[in-house]
Amino acid sequence: MSIGYDSWAVDLGEVGPIYPMQGWEIPMVVVGVIFWLVWHRLQFVQEGKDLEQAKQIADADKIAKAIERY
């Protein structure tokens, strides 16, 4: 696949963009960090609900016997 250049030893400022979405690096990092933080918050809330539900279902006497056994 030829792009019309024999050598890349030129001023890339004159060549133009060499990859897609050039200039979007910082906004994409910001979006990625926000997504990551929101995902962790949602996971934390959901796991808290699941643990609370499991705590209510569990039988306290069975848990105490299992702990004392070991």
N, C-alpha and C. Protein backbone atom coordinates (compact mmCIF):
# COMPACT_ATOMS: atom_id res chain seq x y z
N MET A 1 0.84 -1.17 0.00
CA MET A 1 0.00 0.00 0.00
C MET A 1 0.90 1.24 0.00
N SER A 2 0.83 2.02 -1.03
CA SER A 2 1.65 3.20 -1.16
C SER A 2 0.86 4.43 -0.74
N ILE A 3 1.53 5.30 0.01
CA ILE A 3 0.89 6.55 0.42
C ILE A 3 1.52 7.75 -0.26
N GLY A 4 2.46 7.51 -1.12
CA GLY A 4 3.05 8.59 -1.89
C GLY A 4 4.32 9.17 -1.31
N TYR A 5 4.86 8.60 -0.24
CA TYR A 5 6.10 9.09 0.34
C TYR A 5 7.17 8.03 0.19
N ASP A 6 8.33 8.47 -0.22
CA ASP A 6 9.47 7.57 -0.32
C ASP A 6 10.20 7.47 1.01
N SER A 7 10.13 8.53 1.82
CA SER A 7 10.85 8.56 3.08
C SER A 7 10.01 9.34 4.10
N TRP A 8 10.03 8.87 5.34
CA TRP A 8 9.34 9.58 6.41
C TRP A 8 10.24 10.62 7.06
N ALA A 9 11.43 10.83 6.56
CA ALA A 9 12.36 11.81 7.11
C ALA A 9 12.01 13.20 6.57
N VAL A 10 10.79 13.64 6.85
CA VAL A 10 10.31 14.97 6.43
C VAL A 10 9.67 15.64 7.64
N ASP A 11 9.34 16.91 7.49
CA ASP A 11 8.64 17.63 8.55
C ASP A 11 7.19 17.17 8.57
N LEU A 12 6.80 16.45 9.64
CA LEU A 12 5.44 15.91 9.70
C LEU A 12 4.38 17.00 9.83
N GLY A 13 4.80 18.20 10.21
CA GLY A 13 3.85 19.31 10.24
C GLY A 13 3.34 19.66 8.85
N GLU A 14 4.18 19.45 7.86
CA GLU A 14 3.77 19.71 6.47
C GLU A 14 2.99 18.54 5.88
N VAL A 15 3.19 17.34 6.43
CA VAL A 15 2.51 16.16 5.91
C VAL A 15 1.04 16.19 6.29
N GLY A 16 0.73 16.60 7.50
CA GLY A 16 -0.64 16.61 7.98
C GLY A 16 -0.87 15.47 8.96
N PRO A 17 -2.11 15.21 9.32
CA PRO A 17 -2.41 14.15 10.29
C PRO A 17 -1.95 12.79 9.77
N ILE A 18 -1.29 12.03 10.66
CA ILE A 18 -0.82 10.71 10.24
C ILE A 18 -1.63 9.60 10.89
N TYR A 19 -2.62 9.94 11.73
CA TYR A 19 -3.52 8.95 12.31
C TYR A 19 -4.88 9.60 12.50
N PRO A 20 -5.94 8.82 12.56
CA PRO A 20 -7.29 9.39 12.66
C PRO A 20 -7.55 10.03 14.03
N MET A 21 -8.45 10.97 14.06
CA MET A 21 -8.89 11.67 15.27
C MET A 21 -7.75 12.37 15.99
N GLN A 22 -6.82 12.89 15.24
CA GLN A 22 -5.70 13.62 15.83
C GLN A 22 -6.23 14.87 16.53
N GLY A 23 -5.78 15.09 17.75
CA GLY A 23 -6.22 16.23 18.54
C GLY A 23 -7.29 15.87 19.55
N TRP A 24 -7.79 14.65 19.53
CA TRP A 24 -8.84 14.20 20.45
C TRP A 24 -8.28 13.40 21.63
N GLU A 25 -6.98 13.39 21.81
CA GLU A 25 -6.38 12.54 22.83
C GLU A 25 -6.85 12.93 24.23
N ILE A 26 -6.77 14.20 24.58
CA ILE A 26 -7.14 14.64 25.93
C ILE A 26 -8.63 14.46 26.18
N PRO A 27 -9.53 14.88 25.27
CA PRO A 27 -10.95 14.62 25.53
C PRO A 27 -11.28 13.13 25.67
N MET A 28 -10.63 12.28 24.90
CA MET A 28 -10.90 10.85 25.01
C MET A 28 -10.39 10.29 26.34
N VAL A 29 -9.26 10.78 26.84
CA VAL A 29 -8.77 10.35 28.15
C VAL A 29 -9.74 10.80 29.24
N VAL A 30 -10.23 12.03 29.15
CA VAL A 30 -11.19 12.53 30.14
C VAL A 30 -12.46 11.67 30.12
N VAL A 31 -12.98 11.37 28.94
CA VAL A 31 -14.17 10.52 28.82
C VAL A 31 -13.89 9.14 29.41
N GLY A 32 -12.72 8.59 29.13
CA GLY A 32 -12.36 7.27 29.66
C GLY A 32 -12.28 7.25 31.18
N VAL A 33 -11.69 8.28 31.77
CA VAL A 33 -11.58 8.35 33.23
C VAL A 33 -12.95 8.52 33.87
N ILE A 34 -13.80 9.35 33.28
CA ILE A 34 -15.16 9.53 33.80
C ILE A 34 -15.93 8.21 33.72
N PHE A 35 -15.84 7.52 32.59
CA PHE A 35 -16.51 6.23 32.44
C PHE A 35 -16.02 5.25 33.50
N TRP A 36 -14.72 5.21 33.72
CA TRP A 36 -14.12 4.30 34.69
C TRP A 36 -14.64 4.59 36.10
N LEU A 37 -14.68 5.87 36.49
CA LEU A 37 -15.16 6.24 37.82
C LEU A 37 -16.63 5.90 38.00
N VAL A 38 -17.45 6.20 36.98
CA VAL A 38 -18.89 5.88 37.05
C VAL A 38 -19.10 4.38 37.15
N TRP A 39 -18.35 3.60 36.38
CA TRP A 39 -18.49 2.15 36.41
C TRP A 39 -18.15 1.61 37.80
N HIS A 40 -17.06 2.12 38.40
CA HIS A 40 -16.70 1.66 39.74
C HIS A 40 -17.76 2.03 40.76
N ARG A 41 -18.33 3.20 40.65
CA ARG A 41 -19.40 3.62 41.58
C ARG A 41 -20.61 2.71 41.44
N LEU A 42 -21.01 2.43 40.20
CA LEU A 42 -22.16 1.54 39.98
C LEU A 42 -21.87 0.14 40.53
N GLN A 43 -20.67 -0.36 40.33
CA GLN A 43 -20.30 -1.68 40.85
C GLN A 43 -20.35 -1.68 42.38
N PHE A 44 -19.84 -0.63 43.00
CA PHE A 44 -19.83 -0.53 44.46
C PHE A 44 -21.24 -0.56 45.02
N VAL A 45 -22.14 0.19 44.41
CA VAL A 45 -23.52 0.25 44.87
C VAL A 45 -24.20 -1.10 44.69
N GLN A 46 -24.04 -1.72 43.52
CA GLN A 46 -24.69 -3.00 43.25
C GLN A 46 -24.16 -4.10 44.16
N GLU A 47 -22.85 -4.15 44.38
CA GLU A 47 -22.29 -5.16 45.26
C GLU A 47 -22.74 -4.95 46.70
N GLY A 48 -22.89 -3.70 47.11
CA GLY A 48 -23.41 -3.40 48.45
C GLY A 48 -24.83 -3.93 48.62
N LYS A 49 -25.67 -3.74 47.59
CA LYS A 49 -27.04 -4.27 47.65
C LYS A 49 -27.04 -5.79 47.71
N ASP A 50 -26.18 -6.42 46.90
CA ASP A 50 -26.10 -7.88 46.89
C ASP A 50 -25.64 -8.41 48.24
N LEU A 51 -24.64 -7.77 48.85
CA LEU A 51 -24.16 -8.22 50.15
C LEU A 51 -25.20 -8.02 51.24
N GLU A 52 -25.93 -6.93 51.16
CA GLU A 52 -26.99 -6.68 52.14
C GLU A 52 -28.10 -7.73 52.01
N GLN A 53 -28.44 -8.07 50.79
CA GLN A 53 -29.46 -9.09 50.56
C GLN A 53 -28.97 -10.45 51.07
N ALA A 54 -27.72 -10.78 50.81
CA ALA A 54 -27.16 -12.05 51.29
C ALA A 54 -27.11 -12.08 52.81
N LYS A 55 -26.84 -10.92 53.42
CA LYS A 55 -26.80 -10.85 54.89
C LYS A 55 -28.18 -11.11 55.49
N GLN A 56 -29.22 -10.63 54.82
CA GLN A 56 -30.57 -10.82 55.33
C GLN A 56 -31.04 -12.26 55.14
N ILE A 57 -30.58 -12.91 54.10
CA ILE A 57 -30.98 -14.29 53.82
C ILE A 57 -30.29 -15.27 54.75
N ALA A 58 -29.06 -14.97 55.14
CA ALA A 58 -28.24 -15.89 55.93
C ALA A 58 -28.84 -16.13 57.30
N ASP A 59 -28.65 -17.35 57.79
CA ASP A 59 -29.11 -17.74 59.12
C ASP A 59 -27.96 -17.51 60.10
N ALA A 60 -28.20 -16.68 61.09
CA ALA A 60 -27.15 -16.30 62.03
C ALA A 60 -26.63 -17.50 62.82
N ASP A 61 -27.50 -18.43 63.19
CA ASP A 61 -27.06 -19.60 63.96
C ASP A 61 -26.13 -20.49 63.15
N LYS A 62 -26.45 -20.71 61.86
CA LYS A 62 -25.59 -21.53 61.00
C LYS A 62 -24.22 -20.88 60.82
N ILE A 63 -24.21 -19.58 60.69
CA ILE A 63 -22.95 -18.86 60.52
C ILE A 63 -22.10 -18.97 61.78
N ALA A 64 -22.72 -18.79 62.95
CA ALA A 64 -21.99 -18.88 64.21
C ALA A 64 -21.42 -20.28 64.41
N LYS A 65 -22.20 -21.32 64.09
CA LYS A 65 -21.71 -22.70 64.23
C LYS A 65 -20.55 -22.96 63.28
N ALA A 66 -20.62 -22.46 62.05
CA ALA A 66 -19.56 -22.66 61.08
C ALA A 66 -18.27 -21.98 61.52
N ILE A 67 -18.41 -20.79 62.11
CA ILE A 67 -17.23 -20.07 62.58
C ILE A 67 -16.62 -20.79 63.79
N GLU A 68 -17.44 -21.24 64.72
CA GLU A 68 -16.95 -21.92 65.91
C GLU A 68 -16.31 -23.26 65.57
N ARG A 69 -16.78 -23.91 64.51
CA ARG A 69 -16.26 -25.20 64.11
C ARG A 69 -14.78 -25.09 63.72
N TYR A 70 -14.39 -23.97 63.17
CA TYR A 70 -13.00 -23.80 62.74
C TYR A 70 -12.23 -23.00 63.75
